[in-house]
Structures are given as structure tokens and as C-alpha cells.
Amino acid sequence: MVDFVDGTAFNYEQGQRARKLFAAVVLAALDDAIADDKKYGNGPEQIARWARSRDGREVLSCAGIDPNERVVSGLMQFVAQGVRTSVALSREESERRAQQAEAA
């Protein structure tokens, strides 16, 4: 019985690690689309094309994200804002946005 519990816990941890790895791929795709948007002006279209592709849907699913049109439009809006993922996920940025929301 102990071996079963240890094996289940190990498999769960491995699954969580794989999900985080695929989430990092999604963040990298967002950063690439933001860079394309700044350079060529077509970032939202690039991320939408990727998210709708077979590979993009597979990566989103493995990251634990349902690859539907609502997600695609959210990714496009995020890219259109032009804020890199490392900055958007930082505490300072979230505090700044909260202050802006209170002021408005």
C-alpha cells in the first residue's frame, strides 16, 4: 500500500512539472508574439495563428489551458497590450495596475 501511495505522489509531481514546462512554453510564445508586434506590428495575429494551430492547441492543453476561442482572444489582447510576461507577472506591475484601477 505504501508503494502505491508513493507512486501516485510521484506521478502527480511529474505531471505538475510537465504542466509547468508547457506553461513556460506558452509564456515564451507570448513573448515572441510581443516582440513580433513591436517589430512588425502583427503580434496578435501571430499568437492567434499559433494558438489555433494543432501544435498550439496541444501545448495549451498540456499546460492546463482549454484551447477555445475565448482563450485565443485573451492571448491576443495580452499581446496587444505589449507588456512582456516577466513584467506582467511581477508584483510591482500588479500593484501599479491595482492603483490605476482605484484611481479610475
PDB file of N, CA and C in Angstrom:
ATOM      1  N   MET A   1       0.822  -1.198   0.000  1.00  0.00           N
ATOM      2  CA  MET A   1       0.000   0.000   0.000  1.00  0.00           C
ATOM      3  C   MET A   1       0.866   1.262   0.000  1.00  0.00           C
ATOM      4  N   VAL A   2       1.953   1.246   0.746  1.00  0.00           N
ATOM      5  CA  VAL A   2       2.823   2.418   0.801  1.00  0.00           C
ATOM      6  C   VAL A   2       3.438   2.678  -0.567  1.00  0.00           C
ATOM      7  N   ASP A   3       3.799   1.621  -1.280  1.00  0.00           N
ATOM      8  CA  ASP A   3       4.375   1.801  -2.617  1.00  0.00           C
ATOM      9  C   ASP A   3       3.384   2.452  -3.570  1.00  0.00           C
ATOM     10  N   PHE A   4       2.097   2.100  -3.458  1.00  0.00           N
ATOM     11  CA  PHE A   4       1.081   2.680  -4.311  1.00  0.00           C
ATOM     12  C   PHE A   4       0.953   4.181  -4.049  1.00  0.00           C
ATOM     13  N   VAL A   5       0.945   4.565  -2.767  1.00  0.00           N
ATOM     14  CA  VAL A   5       0.825   5.983  -2.423  1.00  0.00           C
ATOM     15  C   VAL A   5       2.045   6.744  -2.892  1.00  0.00           C
ATOM     16  N   ASP A   6       3.232   6.193  -2.695  1.00  0.00           N
ATOM     17  CA  ASP A   6       4.452   6.860  -3.156  1.00  0.00           C
ATOM     18  C   ASP A   6       4.461   6.995  -4.674  1.00  0.00           C
ATOM     19  N   GLY A   7       4.032   5.950  -5.362  1.00  0.00           N
ATOM     20  CA  GLY A   7       3.986   6.009  -6.822  1.00  0.00           C
ATOM     21  C   GLY A   7       2.992   7.030  -7.316  1.00  0.00           C
ATOM     22  N   THR A   8       1.836   7.115  -6.673  1.00  0.00           N
ATOM     23  CA  THR A   8       0.823   8.099  -7.063  1.00  0.00           C
ATOM     24  C   THR A   8       1.329   9.514  -6.819  1.00  0.00           C
ATOM     25  N   ALA A   9       1.956   9.739  -5.685  1.00  0.00           N
ATOM     26  CA  ALA A   9       2.504  11.069  -5.384  1.00  0.00           C
ATOM     27  C   ALA A   9       3.598  11.442  -6.375  1.00  0.00           C
ATOM     28  N   PHE A  10       4.430  10.478  -6.727  1.00  0.00           N
ATOM     29  CA  PHE A  10       5.498  10.736  -7.696  1.00  0.00           C
ATOM     30  C   PHE A  10       4.907  11.085  -9.059  1.00  0.00           C
ATOM     31  N   ASN A  11       3.910  10.322  -9.484  1.00  0.00           N
ATOM     32  CA  ASN A  11       3.287  10.594 -10.777  1.00  0.00           C
ATOM     33  C   ASN A  11       2.608  11.958 -10.791  1.00  0.00           C
ATOM     34  N   TYR A  12       1.972  12.336  -9.687  1.00  0.00           N
ATOM     35  CA  TYR A  12       1.329  13.642  -9.598  1.00  0.00           C
ATOM     36  C   TYR A  12       2.374  14.752  -9.710  1.00  0.00           C
ATOM     37  N   GLU A  13       3.495  14.590  -9.004  1.00  0.00           N
ATOM     38  CA  GLU A  13       4.560  15.599  -9.073  1.00  0.00           C
ATOM     39  C   GLU A  13       5.116  15.716 -10.478  1.00  0.00           C
ATOM     40  N   GLN A  14       5.305  14.588 -11.140  1.00  0.00           N
ATOM     41  CA  GLN A  14       5.816  14.609 -12.508  1.00  0.00           C
ATOM     42  C   GLN A  14       4.826  15.328 -13.431  1.00  0.00           C
ATOM     43  N   GLY A  15       3.539  15.078 -13.236  1.00  0.00           N
ATOM     44  CA  GLY A  15       2.526  15.750 -14.041  1.00  0.00           C
ATOM     45  C   GLY A  15       2.538  17.252 -13.823  1.00  0.00           C
ATOM     46  N   GLN A  16       2.696  17.657 -12.577  1.00  0.00           N
ATOM     47  CA  GLN A  16       2.747  19.101 -12.276  1.00  0.00           C
ATOM     48  C   GLN A  16       3.983  19.737 -12.910  1.00  0.00           C
ATOM     49  N   ARG A  17       5.102  19.034 -12.882  1.00  0.00           N
ATOM     50  CA  ARG A  17       6.316  19.571 -13.517  1.00  0.00           C
ATOM     51  C   ARG A  17       6.130  19.713 -15.017  1.00  0.00           C
ATOM     52  N   ALA A  18       5.497  18.714 -15.628  1.00  0.00           N
ATOM     53  CA  ALA A  18       5.255  18.783 -17.073  1.00  0.00           C
ATOM     54  C   ALA A  18       4.313  19.937 -17.402  1.00  0.00           C
ATOM     55  N   ARG A  19       3.294  20.136 -16.588  1.00  0.00           N
ATOM     56  CA  ARG A  19       2.359  21.235 -16.819  1.00  0.00           C
ATOM     57  C   ARG A  19       3.078  22.578 -16.728  1.00  0.00           C
ATOM     58  N   LYS A  20       3.975  22.727 -15.747  1.00  0.00           N
ATOM     59  CA  LYS A  20       4.736  23.977 -15.613  1.00  0.00           C
ATOM     60  C   LYS A  20       5.652  24.187 -16.816  1.00  0.00           C
ATOM     61  N   LEU A  21       6.220  23.110 -17.327  1.00  0.00           N
ATOM     62  CA  LEU A  21       7.082  23.215 -18.500  1.00  0.00           C
ATOM     63  C   LEU A  21       6.293  23.725 -19.701  1.00  0.00           C
ATOM     64  N   PHE A  22       5.102  23.175 -19.920  1.00  0.00           N
ATOM     65  CA  PHE A  22       4.286  23.624 -21.040  1.00  0.00           C
ATOM     66  C   PHE A  22       3.766  25.044 -20.819  1.00  0.00           C
ATOM     67  N   ALA A  23       3.510  25.421 -19.578  1.00  0.00           N
ATOM     68  CA  ALA A  23       3.116  26.799 -19.291  1.00  0.00           C
ATOM     69  C   ALA A  23       4.254  27.761 -19.644  1.00  0.00           C
ATOM     70  N   ALA A  24       5.486  27.340 -19.404  1.00  0.00           N
ATOM     71  CA  ALA A  24       6.632  28.171 -19.775  1.00  0.00           C
ATOM     72  C   ALA A  24       6.722  28.323 -21.294  1.00  0.00           C
ATOM     73  N   VAL A  25       6.348  27.283 -22.035  1.00  0.00           N
ATOM     74  CA  VAL A  25       6.341  27.378 -23.492  1.00  0.00           C
ATOM     75  C   VAL A  25       5.288  28.391 -23.949  1.00  0.00           C
ATOM     76  N   VAL A  26       4.131  28.399 -23.296  1.00  0.00           N
ATOM     77  CA  VAL A  26       3.082  29.369 -23.629  1.00  0.00           C
ATOM     78  C   VAL A  26       3.584  30.787 -23.355  1.00  0.00           C
ATOM     79  N   LEU A  27       4.242  30.989 -22.217  1.00  0.00           N
ATOM     80  CA  LEU A  27       4.779  32.318 -21.900  1.00  0.00           C
ATOM     81  C   LEU A  27       5.829  32.745 -22.921  1.00  0.00           C
ATOM     82  N   ALA A  28       6.664  31.804 -23.367  1.00  0.00           N
ATOM     83  CA  ALA A  28       7.669  32.124 -24.387  1.00  0.00           C
ATOM     84  C   ALA A  28       6.996  32.492 -25.704  1.00  0.00           C
ATOM     85  N   ALA A  29       5.922  31.798 -26.062  1.00  0.00           N
ATOM     86  CA  ALA A  29       5.190  32.125 -27.284  1.00  0.00           C
ATOM     87  C   ALA A  29       4.589  33.527 -27.186  1.00  0.00           C
ATOM     88  N   LEU A  30       4.088  33.886 -26.008  1.00  0.00           N
ATOM     89  CA  LEU A  30       3.557  35.238 -25.808  1.00  0.00           C
ATOM     90  C   LEU A  30       4.652  36.285 -25.965  1.00  0.00           C
ATOM     91  N   ASP A  31       5.814  36.024 -25.376  1.00  0.00           N
ATOM     92  CA  ASP A  31       6.926  36.968 -25.502  1.00  0.00           C
ATOM     93  C   ASP A  31       7.363  37.119 -26.961  1.00  0.00           C
ATOM     94  N   ASP A  32       7.391  36.007 -27.694  1.00  0.00           N
ATOM     95  CA  ASP A  32       7.753  36.076 -29.113  1.00  0.00           C
ATOM     96  C   ASP A  32       6.733  36.896 -29.902  1.00  0.00           C
ATOM     97  N   ALA A  33       5.462  36.701 -29.589  1.00  0.00           N
ATOM     98  CA  ALA A  33       4.424  37.463 -30.286  1.00  0.00           C
ATOM     99  C   ALA A  33       4.505  38.948 -29.944  1.00  0.00           C
ATOM    100  N   ILE A  34       4.839  39.265 -28.707  1.00  0.00           N
ATOM    101  CA  ILE A  34       5.001  40.675 -28.316  1.00  0.00           C
ATOM    102  C   ILE A  34       6.179  41.295 -29.056  1.00  0.00           C
ATOM    103  N   ALA A  35       7.270  40.529 -29.179  1.00  0.00           N
ATOM    104  CA  ALA A  35       8.428  41.024 -29.929  1.00  0.00           C
ATOM    105  C   ALA A  35       8.061  41.235 -31.398  1.00  0.00           C
ATOM    106  N   ASP A  36       7.297  40.300 -31.974  1.00  0.00           N
ATOM    107  CA  ASP A  36       6.844  40.466 -33.354  1.00  0.00           C
ATOM    108  C   ASP A  36       5.942  41.683 -33.497  1.00  0.00           C
ATOM    109  N   ASP A  37       5.116  41.922 -32.491  1.00  0.00           N
ATOM    110  CA  ASP A  37       4.213  43.068 -32.549  1.00  0.00           C
ATOM    111  C   ASP A  37       4.995  44.371 -32.555  1.00  0.00           C
ATOM    112  N   LYS A  38       6.050  44.430 -31.747  1.00  0.00           N
ATOM    113  CA  LYS A  38       6.856  45.652 -31.698  1.00  0.00           C
ATOM    114  C   LYS A  38       7.663  45.839 -32.976  1.00  0.00           C
ATOM    115  N   LYS A  39       8.105  44.725 -33.574  1.00  0.00           N
ATOM    116  CA  LYS A  39       8.964  44.816 -34.752  1.00  0.00           C
ATOM    117  C   LYS A  39       8.167  44.921 -36.052  1.00  0.00           C
ATOM    118  N   TYR A  40       7.139  44.074 -36.186  1.00  0.00           N
ATOM    119  CA  TYR A  40       6.403  44.015 -37.453  1.00  0.00           C
ATOM    120  C   TYR A  40       4.956  44.492 -37.348  1.00  0.00           C
ATOM    121  N   GLY A  41       4.427  44.573 -36.124  1.00  0.00           N
ATOM    122  CA  GLY A  41       3.054  45.011 -35.947  1.00  0.00           C
ATOM    123  C   GLY A  41       2.004  43.931 -36.135  1.00  0.00           C
ATOM    124  N   ASN A  42       2.413  42.662 -36.116  1.00  0.00           N
ATOM    125  CA  ASN A  42       1.447  41.589 -36.340  1.00  0.00           C
ATOM    126  C   ASN A  42       1.433  40.572 -35.192  1.00  0.00           C
ATOM    127  N   GLY A  43       1.723  40.998 -33.986  1.00  0.00           N
ATOM    128  CA  GLY A  43       1.806  40.087 -32.846  1.00  0.00           C
ATOM    129  C   GLY A  43       0.504  39.385 -32.504  1.00  0.00           C
ATOM    130  N   PRO A  44      -0.619  40.109 -32.383  1.00  0.00           N
ATOM    131  CA  PRO A  44      -1.871  39.419 -32.056  1.00  0.00           C
ATOM    132  C   PRO A  44      -2.271  38.369 -33.094  1.00  0.00           C
ATOM    133  N   GLU A  45      -2.019  38.667 -34.371  1.00  0.00           N
ATOM    134  CA  GLU A  45      -2.333  37.687 -35.408  1.00  0.00           C
ATOM    135  C   GLU A  45      -1.433  36.461 -35.293  1.00  0.00           C
ATOM    136  N   GLN A  46      -0.163  36.676 -34.937  1.00  0.00           N
ATOM    137  CA  GLN A  46       0.772  35.559 -34.794  1.00  0.00           C
ATOM    138  C   GLN A  46       0.372  34.636 -33.653  1.00  0.00           C
ATOM    139  N   ILE A  47       0.015  35.198 -32.496  1.00  0.00           N
ATOM    140  CA  ILE A  47      -0.350  34.355 -31.357  1.00  0.00           C
ATOM    141  C   ILE A  47      -1.671  33.649 -31.638  1.00  0.00           C
ATOM    142  N   ALA A  48      -2.582  34.300 -32.342  1.00  0.00           N
ATOM    143  CA  ALA A  48      -3.852  33.651 -32.685  1.00  0.00           C
ATOM    144  C   ALA A  48      -3.614  32.491 -33.642  1.00  0.00           C
ATOM    145  N   ARG A  49      -2.760  32.693 -34.614  1.00  0.00           N
ATOM    146  CA  ARG A  49      -2.449  31.613 -35.561  1.00  0.00           C
ATOM    147  C   ARG A  49      -1.806  30.437 -34.830  1.00  0.00           C
ATOM    148  N   TRP A  50      -0.877  30.749 -33.903  1.00  0.00           N
ATOM    149  CA  TRP A  50      -0.231  29.678 -33.146  1.00  0.00           C
ATOM    150  C   TRP A  50      -1.227  28.952 -32.245  1.00  0.00           C
ATOM    151  N   ALA A  51      -2.062  29.702 -31.543  1.00  0.00           N
ATOM    152  CA  ALA A  51      -2.999  29.086 -30.599  1.00  0.00           C
ATOM    153  C   ALA A  51      -4.047  28.246 -31.311  1.00  0.00           C
ATOM    154  N   ARG A  52      -4.385  28.601 -32.535  1.00  0.00           N
ATOM    155  CA  ARG A  52      -5.375  27.830 -33.293  1.00  0.00           C
ATOM    156  C   ARG A  52      -4.759  26.649 -34.031  1.00  0.00           C
ATOM    157  N   SER A  53      -3.428  26.633 -34.132  1.00  0.00           N
ATOM    158  CA  SER A  53      -2.772  25.524 -34.820  1.00  0.00           C
ATOM    159  C   SER A  53      -2.843  24.256 -33.973  1.00  0.00           C
ATOM    160  N   ARG A  54      -2.568  23.143 -34.602  1.00  0.00           N
ATOM    161  CA  ARG A  54      -2.612  21.870 -33.881  1.00  0.00           C
ATOM    162  C   ARG A  54      -1.572  21.843 -32.760  1.00  0.00           C
ATOM    163  N   ASP A  55      -0.368  22.301 -33.052  1.00  0.00           N
ATOM    164  CA  ASP A  55       0.683  22.324 -32.029  1.00  0.00           C
ATOM    165  C   ASP A  55       0.331  23.271 -30.891  1.00  0.00           C
ATOM    166  N   GLY A  56      -0.200  24.435 -31.226  1.00  0.00           N
ATOM    167  CA  GLY A  56      -0.581  25.393 -30.196  1.00  0.00           C
ATOM    168  C   GLY A  56      -1.671  24.853 -29.293  1.00  0.00           C
ATOM    169  N   ARG A  57      -2.683  24.227 -29.880  1.00  0.00           N
ATOM    170  CA  ARG A  57      -3.750  23.630 -29.070  1.00  0.00           C
ATOM    171  C   ARG A  57      -3.209  22.534 -28.167  1.00  0.00           C
ATOM    172  N   GLU A  58      -2.268  21.752 -28.681  1.00  0.00           N
ATOM    173  CA  GLU A  58      -1.671  20.682 -27.873  1.00  0.00           C
ATOM    174  C   GLU A  58      -0.879  21.254 -26.698  1.00  0.00           C
ATOM    175  N   VAL A  59      -0.090  22.291 -26.951  1.00  0.00           N
ATOM    176  CA  VAL A  59       0.704  22.915 -25.884  1.00  0.00           C
ATOM    177  C   VAL A  59      -0.211  23.545 -24.844  1.00  0.00           C
ATOM    178  N   LEU A  60      -1.243  24.248 -25.292  1.00  0.00           N
ATOM    179  CA  LEU A  60      -2.181  24.856 -24.349  1.00  0.00           C
ATOM    180  C   LEU A  60      -2.865  23.793 -23.500  1.00  0.00           C
ATOM    181  N   SER A  61      -3.270  22.693 -24.115  1.00  0.00           N
ATOM    182  CA  SER A  61      -3.909  21.607 -23.361  1.00  0.00           C
ATOM    183  C   SER A  61      -2.959  21.015 -22.339  1.00  0.00           C
ATOM    184  N   CYS A  62      -1.719  20.793 -22.731  1.00  0.00           N
ATOM    185  CA  CYS A  62      -0.739  20.222 -21.799  1.00  0.00           C
ATOM    186  C   CYS A  62      -0.397  21.184 -20.674  1.00  0.00           C
ATOM    187  N   ALA A  63      -0.575  22.487 -20.913  1.00  0.00           N
ATOM    188  CA  ALA A  63      -0.334  23.487 -19.872  1.00  0.00           C
ATOM    189  C   ALA A  63      -1.540  23.634 -18.949  1.00  0.00           C
ATOM    190  N   GLY A  64      -2.622  22.924 -19.248  1.00  0.00           N
ATOM    191  CA  GLY A  64      -3.811  23.003 -18.416  1.00  0.00           C
ATOM    192  C   GLY A  64      -4.744  24.131 -18.825  1.00  0.00           C
ATOM    193  N   ILE A  65      -4.607  24.615 -20.059  1.00  0.00           N
ATOM    194  CA  ILE A  65      -5.427  25.709 -20.569  1.00  0.00           C
ATOM    195  C   ILE A  65      -6.332  25.149 -21.656  1.00  0.00           C
ATOM    196  N   ASP A  66      -7.635  25.413 -21.550  1.00  0.00           N
ATOM    197  CA  ASP A  66      -8.579  24.940 -22.552  1.00  0.00           C
ATOM    198  C   ASP A  66      -8.423  25.782 -23.819  1.00  0.00           C
ATOM    199  N   PRO A  67      -8.037  25.177 -24.938  1.00  0.00           N
ATOM    200  CA  PRO A  67      -7.767  25.965 -26.152  1.00  0.00           C
ATOM    201  C   PRO A  67      -9.036  26.337 -26.912  1.00  0.00           C
ATOM    202  N   ASN A  68      -9.814  27.257 -26.367  1.00  0.00           N
ATOM    203  CA  ASN A  68     -11.029  27.701 -27.048  1.00  0.00           C
ATOM    204  C   ASN A  68     -10.845  29.132 -27.548  1.00  0.00           C
ATOM    205  N   GLU A  69     -11.856  29.642 -28.228  1.00  0.00           N
ATOM    206  CA  GLU A  69     -11.751  30.978 -28.824  1.00  0.00           C
ATOM    207  C   GLU A  69     -11.650  32.083 -27.775  1.00  0.00           C
ATOM    208  N   ARG A  70     -12.235  31.862 -26.623  1.00  0.00           N
ATOM    209  CA  ARG A  70     -12.118  32.864 -25.565  1.00  0.00           C
ATOM    210  C   ARG A  70     -10.665  33.003 -25.118  1.00  0.00           C
ATOM    211  N   VAL A  71      -9.970  31.896 -25.023  1.00  0.00           N
ATOM    212  CA  VAL A  71      -8.549  31.922 -24.653  1.00  0.00           C
ATOM    213  C   VAL A  71      -7.748  32.610 -25.744  1.00  0.00           C
ATOM    214  N   VAL A  72      -8.045  32.295 -26.999  1.00  0.00           N
ATOM    215  CA  VAL A  72      -7.326  32.916 -28.116  1.00  0.00           C
ATOM    216  C   VAL A  72      -7.504  34.432 -28.090  1.00  0.00           C
ATOM    217  N   SER A  73      -8.732  34.891 -27.865  1.00  0.00           N
ATOM    218  CA  SER A  73      -8.943  36.344 -27.821  1.00  0.00           C
ATOM    219  C   SER A  73      -8.232  36.965 -26.624  1.00  0.00           C
ATOM    220  N   GLY A  74      -8.167  36.264 -25.499  1.00  0.00           N
ATOM    221  CA  GLY A  74      -7.430  36.763 -24.338  1.00  0.00           C
ATOM    222  C   GLY A  74      -5.938  36.860 -24.612  1.00  0.00           C
ATOM    223  N   LEU A  75      -5.397  35.859 -25.300  1.00  0.00           N
ATOM    224  CA  LEU A  75      -3.981  35.905 -25.671  1.00  0.00           C
ATOM    225  C   LEU A  75      -3.712  37.071 -26.625  1.00  0.00           C
ATOM    226  N   MET A  76      -4.625  37.286 -27.542  1.00  0.00           N
ATOM    227  CA  MET A  76      -4.459  38.403 -28.483  1.00  0.00           C
ATOM    228  C   MET A  76      -4.501  39.748 -27.753  1.00  0.00           C
ATOM    229  N   GLN A  77      -5.406  39.893 -26.795  1.00  0.00           N
ATOM    230  CA  GLN A  77      -5.477  41.137 -26.026  1.00  0.00           C
ATOM    231  C   GLN A  77      -4.202  41.353 -25.215  1.00  0.00           C
ATOM    232  N   PHE A  78      -3.683  40.262 -24.635  1.00  0.00           N
ATOM    233  CA  PHE A  78      -2.454  40.369 -23.845  1.00  0.00           C
ATOM    234  C   PHE A  78      -1.300  40.836 -24.723  1.00  0.00           C
ATOM    235  N   VAL A  79      -1.185  40.267 -25.912  1.00  0.00           N
ATOM    236  CA  VAL A  79      -0.106  40.657 -26.822  1.00  0.00           C
ATOM    237  C   VAL A  79      -0.290  42.101 -27.271  1.00  0.00           C
ATOM    238  N   ALA A  80      -1.529  42.510 -27.503  1.00  0.00           N
ATOM    239  CA  ALA A  80      -1.783  43.882 -27.950  1.00  0.00           C
ATOM    240  C   ALA A  80      -1.383  44.912 -26.894  1.00  0.00           C
ATOM    241  N   GLN A  81      -1.441  44.538 -25.620  1.00  0.00           N
ATOM    242  CA  GLN A  81      -1.019  45.463 -24.563  1.00  0.00           C
ATOM    243  C   GLN A  81       0.483  45.720 -24.607  1.00  0.00           C
ATOM    244  N   GLY A  82       1.246  44.750 -25.094  1.00  0.00           N
ATOM    245  CA  GLY A  82       2.678  44.935 -25.277  1.00  0.00           C
ATOM    246  C   GLY A  82       3.510  44.830 -24.021  1.00  0.00           C
ATOM    247  N   VAL A  83       2.980  44.266 -22.954  1.00  0.00           N
ATOM    248  CA  VAL A  83       3.732  44.112 -21.705  1.00  0.00           C
ATOM    249  C   VAL A  83       4.325  42.710 -21.671  1.00  0.00           C
ATOM    250  N   ARG A  84       5.633  42.620 -21.543  1.00  0.00           N
ATOM    251  CA  ARG A  84       6.294  41.311 -21.516  1.00  0.00           C
ATOM    252  C   ARG A  84       5.768  40.490 -20.345  1.00  0.00           C
ATOM    253  N   THR A  85       5.801  39.173 -20.484  1.00  0.00           N
ATOM    254  CA  THR A  85       5.231  38.302 -19.468  1.00  0.00           C
ATOM    255  C   THR A  85       5.980  38.407 -18.141  1.00  0.00           C
ATOM    256  N   SER A  86       7.292  38.582 -18.204  1.00  0.00           N
ATOM    257  CA  SER A  86       8.052  38.695 -16.955  1.00  0.00           C
ATOM    258  C   SER A  86       7.644  39.944 -16.181  1.00  0.00           C
ATOM    259  N   VAL A  87       7.334  41.015 -16.900  1.00  0.00           N
ATOM    260  CA  VAL A  87       6.908  42.252 -16.253  1.00  0.00           C
ATOM    261  C   VAL A  87       5.470  42.122 -15.768  1.00  0.00           C
ATOM    262  N   ALA A  88       4.620  41.524 -16.599  1.00  0.00           N
ATOM    263  CA  ALA A  88       3.201  41.404 -16.249  1.00  0.00           C
ATOM    264  C   ALA A  88       2.990  40.514 -15.032  1.00  0.00           C
ATOM    265  N   LEU A  89       3.858  39.551 -14.824  1.00  0.00           N
ATOM    266  CA  LEU A  89       3.715  38.635 -13.693  1.00  0.00           C
ATOM    267  C   LEU A  89       4.417  39.128 -12.432  1.00  0.00           C
ATOM    268  N   SER A  90       5.067  40.278 -12.517  1.00  0.00           N
ATOM    269  CA  SER A  90       5.790  40.781 -11.354  1.00  0.00           C
ATOM    270  C   SER A  90       4.834  41.440 -10.369  1.00  0.00           C
ATOM    271  N   ARG A  91       5.232  41.491  -9.139  1.00  0.00           N
ATOM    272  CA  ARG A  91       4.412  42.091  -8.081  1.00  0.00           C
ATOM    273  C   ARG A  91       4.257  43.593  -8.285  1.00  0.00           C
ATOM    274  N   GLU A  92       5.318  44.252  -8.728  1.00  0.00           N
ATOM    275  CA  GLU A  92       5.255  45.699  -8.908  1.00  0.00           C
ATOM    276  C   GLU A  92       4.216  46.073  -9.958  1.00  0.00           C
ATOM    277  N   GLU A  93       4.168  45.302 -11.032  1.00  0.00           N
ATOM    278  CA  GLU A  93       3.207  45.598 -12.096  1.00  0.00           C
ATOM    279  C   GLU A  93       1.781  45.389 -11.609  1.00  0.00           C
ATOM    280  N   SER A  94       1.550  44.337 -10.846  1.00  0.00           N
ATOM    281  CA  SER A  94       0.185  44.094 -10.359  1.00  0.00           C
ATOM    282  C   SER A  94      -0.238  45.176  -9.368  1.00  0.00           C
ATOM    283  N   GLU A  95       0.694  45.660  -8.543  1.00  0.00           N
ATOM    284  CA  GLU A  95       0.375  46.749  -7.623  1.00  0.00           C
ATOM    285  C   GLU A  95       0.090  48.043  -8.371  1.00  0.00           C
ATOM    286  N   ARG A  96       0.853  48.299  -9.447  1.00  0.00           N
ATOM    287  CA  ARG A  96       0.639  49.500 -10.246  1.00  0.00           C
ATOM    288  C   ARG A  96      -0.731  49.469 -10.911  1.00  0.00           C
ATOM    289  N   ARG A  97      -1.116  48.318 -11.430  1.00  0.00           N
ATOM    290  CA  ARG A  97      -2.428  48.192 -12.069  1.00  0.00           C
ATOM    291  C   ARG A  97      -3.549  48.336 -11.063  1.00  0.00           C
ATOM    292  N   ALA A  98      -3.344  47.831  -9.855  1.00  0.00           N
ATOM    293  CA  ALA A  98      -4.369  47.976  -8.824  1.00  0.00           C
ATOM    294  C   ALA A  98      -4.547  49.438  -8.438  1.00  0.00           C
ATOM    295  N   GLN A  99      -3.451  50.200  -8.374  1.00  0.00           N
ATOM    296  CA  GLN A  99      -3.531  51.617  -8.069  1.00  0.00           C
ATOM    297  C   GLN A  99      -4.239  52.373  -9.191  1.00  0.00           C
ATOM    298  N   GLN A 100      -3.979  51.993 -10.428  1.00  0.00           N
ATOM    299  CA  GLN A 100      -4.663  52.638 -11.545  1.00  0.00           C
ATOM    300  C   GLN A 100      -6.156  52.348 -11.514  1.00  0.00           C
ATOM    301  N   ALA A 101      -6.533  51.138 -11.160  1.00  0.00           N
ATOM    302  CA  ALA A 101      -7.936  50.775 -11.103  1.00  0.00           C
ATOM    303  C   ALA A 101      -8.654  51.547  -9.989  1.00  0.00           C
ATOM    304  N   GLU A 102      -7.983  51.751  -8.869  1.00  0.00           N
ATOM    305  CA  GLU A 102      -8.582  52.513  -7.768  1.00  0.00           C
ATOM    306  C   GLU A 102      -8.741  53.977  -8.149  1.00  0.00           C
ATOM    307  N   ALA A 103      -7.774  54.516  -8.891  1.00  0.00           N
ATOM    308  CA  ALA A 103      -7.823  55.914  -9.279  1.00  0.00           C
ATOM    309  C   ALA A 103      -8.924  56.179 -10.317  1.00  0.00           C
ATOM    310  N   ALA A 104      -9.223  55.170 -11.108  1.00  0.00           N
ATOM    311  CA  ALA A 104     -10.230  55.354 -12.188  1.00  0.00           C
ATOM    312  C   ALA A 104     -11.618  55.203 -11.725  1.00  0.00           C
TER     313      ALA A 104
END
